[in-house]
Structures are given as C-alpha cells and as structure tokens.
Amino acid sequence: MNGIDPYAYMQQVAVTMDELTARDEIETVLDELEYLFEIIPPEMQDNAEKLIGLLRDKLANTC
C-alpha cells in the first residue's frame, strides 16, 4: 500500500463494491482497508469504517 492515495483507494472500493462477489476478493479488499485504517488520519477513519462494515456484511452473506 506504499504510495497509495488513501482517499482515492477508498473511493475506488466504494465504486466497485457491487463487483466484489468472490469471497477471496472481498477478504483481500477488507484486509487492505483494515491496514489502511491503521495508518490514515483520524478524520478519514469514519469513511473507512463504513466501507469496512459494508465489506464485512457482504462477506457474511457470501457463500
């Protein structure tokens, strides 16, 4: 994730959320967002937290 713009990455995840259907894809993006959450400024954490919640829900509903 070095050199990644956190805002752009979160925006990309939000836009492509519906395209994430495979369990491994969702887990990968979730892992990346959870890592990103630890290093981004506090003012960006609310948006990351919302995306993480949506991905966790999506993962729970994936067979």
PDB file of N, CA and C in Angstrom:
ATOM      1  N   MET A   1       0.821  -1.194   0.000  1.00  0.00           N
ATOM      2  CA  MET A   1       0.000   0.000   0.000  1.00  0.00           C
ATOM      3  C   MET A   1       0.868   1.262   0.000  1.00  0.00           C
ATOM      4  N   ASN A   2       2.159   1.090  -0.045  1.00  0.00           N
ATOM      5  CA  ASN A   2       3.053   2.242  -0.087  1.00  0.00           C
ATOM      6  C   ASN A   2       2.782   3.072  -1.329  1.00  0.00           C
ATOM      7  N   GLY A   3       2.685   4.384  -1.162  1.00  0.00           N
ATOM      8  CA  GLY A   3       2.455   5.263  -2.289  1.00  0.00           C
ATOM      9  C   GLY A   3       1.005   5.329  -2.740  1.00  0.00           C
ATOM     10  N   ILE A   4       0.108   4.695  -1.999  1.00  0.00           N
ATOM     11  CA  ILE A   4      -1.313   4.689  -2.349  1.00  0.00           C
ATOM     12  C   ILE A   4      -1.984   5.914  -1.724  1.00  0.00           C
ATOM     13  N   ASP A   5      -2.825   6.563  -2.500  1.00  0.00           N
ATOM     14  CA  ASP A   5      -3.621   7.676  -2.002  1.00  0.00           C
ATOM     15  C   ASP A   5      -4.838   7.065  -1.284  1.00  0.00           C
ATOM     16  N   PRO A   6      -4.904   7.170   0.039  1.00  0.00           N
ATOM     17  CA  PRO A   6      -5.989   6.506   0.787  1.00  0.00           C
ATOM     18  C   PRO A   6      -7.378   6.951   0.346  1.00  0.00           C
ATOM     19  N   TYR A   7      -7.547   8.234   0.078  1.00  0.00           N
ATOM     20  CA  TYR A   7      -8.859   8.732  -0.341  1.00  0.00           C
ATOM     21  C   TYR A   7      -9.256   8.120  -1.685  1.00  0.00           C
ATOM     22  N   ALA A   8      -8.325   8.088  -2.632  1.00  0.00           N
ATOM     23  CA  ALA A   8      -8.609   7.518  -3.952  1.00  0.00           C
ATOM     24  C   ALA A   8      -8.903   6.028  -3.840  1.00  0.00           C
ATOM     25  N   TYR A   9      -8.168   5.322  -2.988  1.00  0.00           N
ATOM     26  CA  TYR A   9      -8.387   3.893  -2.829  1.00  0.00           C
ATOM     27  C   TYR A   9      -9.774   3.621  -2.238  1.00  0.00           C
ATOM     28  N   MET A  10     -10.146   4.373  -1.215  1.00  0.00           N
ATOM     29  CA  MET A  10     -11.467   4.179  -0.616  1.00  0.00           C
ATOM     30  C   MET A  10     -12.566   4.503  -1.624  1.00  0.00           C
ATOM     31  N   GLN A  11     -12.347   5.519  -2.433  1.00  0.00           N
ATOM     32  CA  GLN A  11     -13.328   5.869  -3.461  1.00  0.00           C
ATOM     33  C   GLN A  11     -13.446   4.730  -4.479  1.00  0.00           C
ATOM     34  N   GLN A  12     -12.318   4.155  -4.869  1.00  0.00           N
ATOM     35  CA  GLN A  12     -12.320   3.037  -5.805  1.00  0.00           C
ATOM     36  C   GLN A  12     -13.080   1.841  -5.230  1.00  0.00           C
ATOM     37  N   VAL A  13     -12.862   1.559  -3.956  1.00  0.00           N
ATOM     38  CA  VAL A  13     -13.564   0.450  -3.299  1.00  0.00           C
ATOM     39  C   VAL A  13     -15.068   0.717  -3.292  1.00  0.00           C
ATOM     40  N   ALA A  14     -15.458   1.934  -2.966  1.00  0.00           N
ATOM     41  CA  ALA A  14     -16.878   2.275  -2.919  1.00  0.00           C
ATOM     42  C   ALA A  14     -17.534   2.112  -4.290  1.00  0.00           C
ATOM     43  N   VAL A  15     -16.830   2.510  -5.329  1.00  0.00           N
ATOM     44  CA  VAL A  15     -17.379   2.433  -6.682  1.00  0.00           C
ATOM     45  C   VAL A  15     -17.487   0.985  -7.158  1.00  0.00           C
ATOM     46  N   THR A  16     -16.537   0.161  -6.782  1.00  0.00           N
ATOM     47  CA  THR A  16     -16.515  -1.229  -7.271  1.00  0.00           C
ATOM     48  C   THR A  16     -17.109  -2.230  -6.282  1.00  0.00           C
ATOM     49  N   MET A  17     -17.710  -1.760  -5.218  1.00  0.00           N
ATOM     50  CA  MET A  17     -18.255  -2.635  -4.177  1.00  0.00           C
ATOM     51  C   MET A  17     -19.185  -3.705  -4.752  1.00  0.00           C
ATOM     52  N   ASP A  18     -20.063  -3.342  -5.664  1.00  0.00           N
ATOM     53  CA  ASP A  18     -21.018  -4.301  -6.222  1.00  0.00           C
ATOM     54  C   ASP A  18     -20.342  -5.376  -7.065  1.00  0.00           C
ATOM     55  N   GLU A  19     -19.170  -5.080  -7.589  1.00  0.00           N
ATOM     56  CA  GLU A  19     -18.447  -6.036  -8.428  1.00  0.00           C
ATOM     57  C   GLU A  19     -17.706  -7.089  -7.606  1.00  0.00           C
ATOM     58  N   LEU A  20     -17.538  -6.841  -6.331  1.00  0.00           N
ATOM     59  CA  LEU A  20     -16.857  -7.798  -5.461  1.00  0.00           C
ATOM     60  C   LEU A  20     -17.844  -8.890  -5.065  1.00  0.00           C
ATOM     61  N   THR A  21     -17.646 -10.060  -5.630  1.00  0.00           N
ATOM     62  CA  THR A  21     -18.586 -11.144  -5.348  1.00  0.00           C
ATOM     63  C   THR A  21     -17.906 -12.379  -4.779  1.00  0.00           C
ATOM     64  N   ALA A  22     -16.657 -12.600  -5.123  1.00  0.00           N
ATOM     65  CA  ALA A  22     -15.943 -13.782  -4.643  1.00  0.00           C
ATOM     66  C   ALA A  22     -15.398 -13.523  -3.241  1.00  0.00           C
ATOM     67  N   ARG A  23     -15.499 -14.535  -2.413  1.00  0.00           N
ATOM     68  CA  ARG A  23     -15.049 -14.439  -1.016  1.00  0.00           C
ATOM     69  C   ARG A  23     -13.594 -13.961  -0.920  1.00  0.00           C
ATOM     70  N   ASP A  24     -12.710 -14.504  -1.745  1.00  0.00           N
ATOM     71  CA  ASP A  24     -11.299 -14.126  -1.670  1.00  0.00           C
ATOM     72  C   ASP A  24     -11.071 -12.677  -2.076  1.00  0.00           C
ATOM     73  N   GLU A  25     -11.850 -12.178  -3.033  1.00  0.00           N
ATOM     74  CA  GLU A  25     -11.743 -10.769  -3.431  1.00  0.00           C
ATOM     75  C   GLU A  25     -12.159  -9.856  -2.274  1.00  0.00           C
ATOM     76  N   ILE A  26     -13.276 -10.199  -1.668  1.00  0.00           N
ATOM     77  CA  ILE A  26     -13.795  -9.391  -0.557  1.00  0.00           C
ATOM     78  C   ILE A  26     -12.803  -9.394   0.601  1.00  0.00           C
ATOM     79  N   GLU A  27     -12.262 -10.577   0.922  1.00  0.00           N
ATOM     80  CA  GLU A  27     -11.299 -10.674   2.025  1.00  0.00           C
ATOM     81  C   GLU A  27     -10.042  -9.856   1.747  1.00  0.00           C
ATOM     82  N   THR A  28      -9.569  -9.870   0.508  1.00  0.00           N
ATOM     83  CA  THR A  28      -8.374  -9.100   0.149  1.00  0.00           C
ATOM     84  C   THR A  28      -8.610  -7.610   0.338  1.00  0.00           C
ATOM     85  N   VAL A  29      -9.718  -7.116  -0.188  1.00  0.00           N
ATOM     86  CA  VAL A  29     -10.025  -5.683  -0.069  1.00  0.00           C
ATOM     87  C   VAL A  29     -10.255  -5.324   1.395  1.00  0.00           C
ATOM     88  N   LEU A  30     -10.910  -6.188   2.129  1.00  0.00           N
ATOM     89  CA  LEU A  30     -11.152  -5.948   3.551  1.00  0.00           C
ATOM     90  C   LEU A  30      -9.831  -5.860   4.311  1.00  0.00           C
ATOM     91  N   ASP A  31      -8.915  -6.783   4.038  1.00  0.00           N
ATOM     92  CA  ASP A  31      -7.593  -6.737   4.676  1.00  0.00           C
ATOM     93  C   ASP A  31      -6.867  -5.430   4.357  1.00  0.00           C
ATOM     94  N   GLU A  32      -6.942  -5.021   3.103  1.00  0.00           N
ATOM     95  CA  GLU A  32      -6.271  -3.779   2.696  1.00  0.00           C
ATOM     96  C   GLU A  32      -6.875  -2.572   3.398  1.00  0.00           C
ATOM     97  N   LEU A  33      -8.197  -2.540   3.480  1.00  0.00           N
ATOM     98  CA  LEU A  33      -8.853  -1.410   4.156  1.00  0.00           C
ATOM     99  C   LEU A  33      -8.565  -1.404   5.652  1.00  0.00           C
ATOM    100  N   GLU A  34      -8.520  -2.574   6.271  1.00  0.00           N
ATOM    101  CA  GLU A  34      -8.211  -2.627   7.700  1.00  0.00           C
ATOM    102  C   GLU A  34      -6.788  -2.147   7.966  1.00  0.00           C
ATOM    103  N   TYR A  35      -5.865  -2.475   7.079  1.00  0.00           N
ATOM    104  CA  TYR A  35      -4.499  -1.964   7.202  1.00  0.00           C
ATOM    105  C   TYR A  35      -4.489  -0.452   7.007  1.00  0.00           C
ATOM    106  N   LEU A  36      -5.176  -0.003   5.981  1.00  0.00           N
ATOM    107  CA  LEU A  36      -5.239   1.424   5.673  1.00  0.00           C
ATOM    108  C   LEU A  36      -5.827   2.206   6.845  1.00  0.00           C
ATOM    109  N   PHE A  37      -6.830   1.624   7.499  1.00  0.00           N
ATOM    110  CA  PHE A  37      -7.484   2.265   8.641  1.00  0.00           C
ATOM    111  C   PHE A  37      -6.477   2.628   9.719  1.00  0.00           C
ATOM    112  N   GLU A  38      -5.489   1.768   9.908  1.00  0.00           N
ATOM    113  CA  GLU A  38      -4.480   1.985  10.954  1.00  0.00           C
ATOM    114  C   GLU A  38      -3.523   3.121  10.646  1.00  0.00           C
ATOM    115  N   ILE A  39      -3.375   3.468   9.374  1.00  0.00           N
ATOM    116  CA  ILE A  39      -2.362   4.464   9.014  1.00  0.00           C
ATOM    117  C   ILE A  39      -2.926   5.784   8.503  1.00  0.00           C
ATOM    118  N   ILE A  40      -4.231   5.851   8.273  1.00  0.00           N
ATOM    119  CA  ILE A  40      -4.804   7.093   7.765  1.00  0.00           C
ATOM    120  C   ILE A  40      -5.108   8.062   8.910  1.00  0.00           C
ATOM    121  N   PRO A  41      -5.226   9.335   8.584  1.00  0.00           N
ATOM    122  CA  PRO A  41      -5.559  10.332   9.605  1.00  0.00           C
ATOM    123  C   PRO A  41      -6.948  10.062  10.200  1.00  0.00           C
ATOM    124  N   PRO A  42      -7.137  10.421  11.462  1.00  0.00           N
ATOM    125  CA  PRO A  42      -8.425  10.168  12.136  1.00  0.00           C
ATOM    126  C   PRO A  42      -9.637  10.723  11.394  1.00  0.00           C
ATOM    127  N   GLU A  43      -9.488  11.828  10.707  1.00  0.00           N
ATOM    128  CA  GLU A  43     -10.639  12.419  10.008  1.00  0.00           C
ATOM    129  C   GLU A  43     -11.097  11.564   8.814  1.00  0.00           C
ATOM    130  N   MET A  44     -10.278  10.632   8.382  1.00  0.00           N
ATOM    131  CA  MET A  44     -10.659   9.745   7.280  1.00  0.00           C
ATOM    132  C   MET A  44     -11.158   8.393   7.772  1.00  0.00           C
ATOM    133  N   GLN A  45     -11.019   8.133   9.053  1.00  0.00           N
ATOM    134  CA  GLN A  45     -11.348   6.814   9.579  1.00  0.00           C
ATOM    135  C   GLN A  45     -12.837   6.508   9.554  1.00  0.00           C
ATOM    136  N   ASP A  46     -13.688   7.521   9.672  1.00  0.00           N
ATOM    137  CA  ASP A  46     -15.136   7.270   9.628  1.00  0.00           C
ATOM    138  C   ASP A  46     -15.549   6.651   8.299  1.00  0.00           C
ATOM    139  N   ASN A  47     -15.029   7.216   7.204  1.00  0.00           N
ATOM    140  CA  ASN A  47     -15.368   6.683   5.882  1.00  0.00           C
ATOM    141  C   ASN A  47     -14.807   5.275   5.701  1.00  0.00           C
ATOM    142  N   ALA A  48     -13.602   5.051   6.162  1.00  0.00           N
ATOM    143  CA  ALA A  48     -13.004   3.720   6.062  1.00  0.00           C
ATOM    144  C   ALA A  48     -13.805   2.723   6.888  1.00  0.00           C
ATOM    145  N   GLU A  49     -14.252   3.148   8.051  1.00  0.00           N
ATOM    146  CA  GLU A  49     -15.033   2.278   8.936  1.00  0.00           C
ATOM    147  C   GLU A  49     -16.350   1.863   8.277  1.00  0.00           C
ATOM    148  N   LYS A  50     -16.983   2.783   7.564  1.00  0.00           N
ATOM    149  CA  LYS A  50     -18.227   2.468   6.856  1.00  0.00           C
ATOM    150  C   LYS A  50     -17.981   1.428   5.771  1.00  0.00           C
ATOM    151  N   LEU A  51     -16.908   1.607   5.018  1.00  0.00           N
ATOM    152  CA  LEU A  51     -16.584   0.641   3.965  1.00  0.00           C
ATOM    153  C   LEU A  51     -16.250  -0.724   4.553  1.00  0.00           C
ATOM    154  N   ILE A  52     -15.507  -0.731   5.640  1.00  0.00           N
ATOM    155  CA  ILE A  52     -15.156  -1.984   6.305  1.00  0.00           C
ATOM    156  C   ILE A  52     -16.426  -2.705   6.762  1.00  0.00           C
ATOM    157  N   GLY A  53     -17.364  -1.962   7.326  1.00  0.00           N
ATOM    158  CA  GLY A  53     -18.633  -2.555   7.756  1.00  0.00           C
ATOM    159  C   GLY A  53     -19.416  -3.151   6.598  1.00  0.00           C
ATOM    160  N   LEU A  54     -19.458  -2.433   5.487  1.00  0.00           N
ATOM    161  CA  LEU A  54     -20.161  -2.935   4.311  1.00  0.00           C
ATOM    162  C   LEU A  54     -19.504  -4.200   3.771  1.00  0.00           C
ATOM    163  N   LEU A  55     -18.169  -4.210   3.760  1.00  0.00           N
ATOM    164  CA  LEU A  55     -17.452  -5.395   3.281  1.00  0.00           C
ATOM    165  C   LEU A  55     -17.648  -6.585   4.219  1.00  0.00           C
ATOM    166  N   ARG A  56     -17.670  -6.337   5.511  1.00  0.00           N
ATOM    167  CA  ARG A  56     -17.909  -7.431   6.466  1.00  0.00           C
ATOM    168  C   ARG A  56     -19.307  -8.011   6.280  1.00  0.00           C
ATOM    169  N   ASP A  57     -20.282  -7.150   6.067  1.00  0.00           N
ATOM    170  CA  ASP A  57     -21.648  -7.622   5.807  1.00  0.00           C
ATOM    171  C   ASP A  57     -21.697  -8.443   4.522  1.00  0.00           C
ATOM    172  N   LYS A  58     -21.049  -7.933   3.499  1.00  0.00           N
ATOM    173  CA  LYS A  58     -21.012  -8.622   2.219  1.00  0.00           C
ATOM    174  C   LYS A  58     -20.348  -9.990   2.371  1.00  0.00           C
ATOM    175  N   LEU A  59     -19.262 -10.043   3.133  1.00  0.00           N
ATOM    176  CA  LEU A  59     -18.550 -11.287   3.360  1.00  0.00           C
ATOM    177  C   LEU A  59     -19.422 -12.280   4.130  1.00  0.00           C
ATOM    178  N   ALA A  60     -20.166 -11.792   5.105  1.00  0.00           N
ATOM    179  CA  ALA A  60     -21.049 -12.659   5.889  1.00  0.00           C
ATOM    180  C   ALA A  60     -22.156 -13.266   5.036  1.00  0.00           C
ATOM    181  N   ASN A  61     -22.539 -12.562   3.969  1.00  0.00           N
ATOM    182  CA  ASN A  61     -23.621 -13.027   3.111  1.00  0.00           C
ATOM    183  C   ASN A  61     -23.119 -13.783   1.885  1.00  0.00           C
ATOM    184  N   THR A  62     -21.813 -14.010   1.809  1.00  0.00           N
ATOM    185  CA  THR A  62     -21.225 -14.727   0.680  1.00  0.00           C
ATOM    186  C   THR A  62     -21.047 -16.180   1.051  1.00  0.00           C
ATOM    187  N   CYS A  63     -21.488 -17.037   0.181  1.00  0.00           N
ATOM    188  CA  CYS A  63     -21.377 -18.480   0.431  1.00  0.00           C
ATOM    189  C   CYS A  63     -19.990 -18.990   0.154  1.00  0.00           C
TER     190      CYS A  63
END
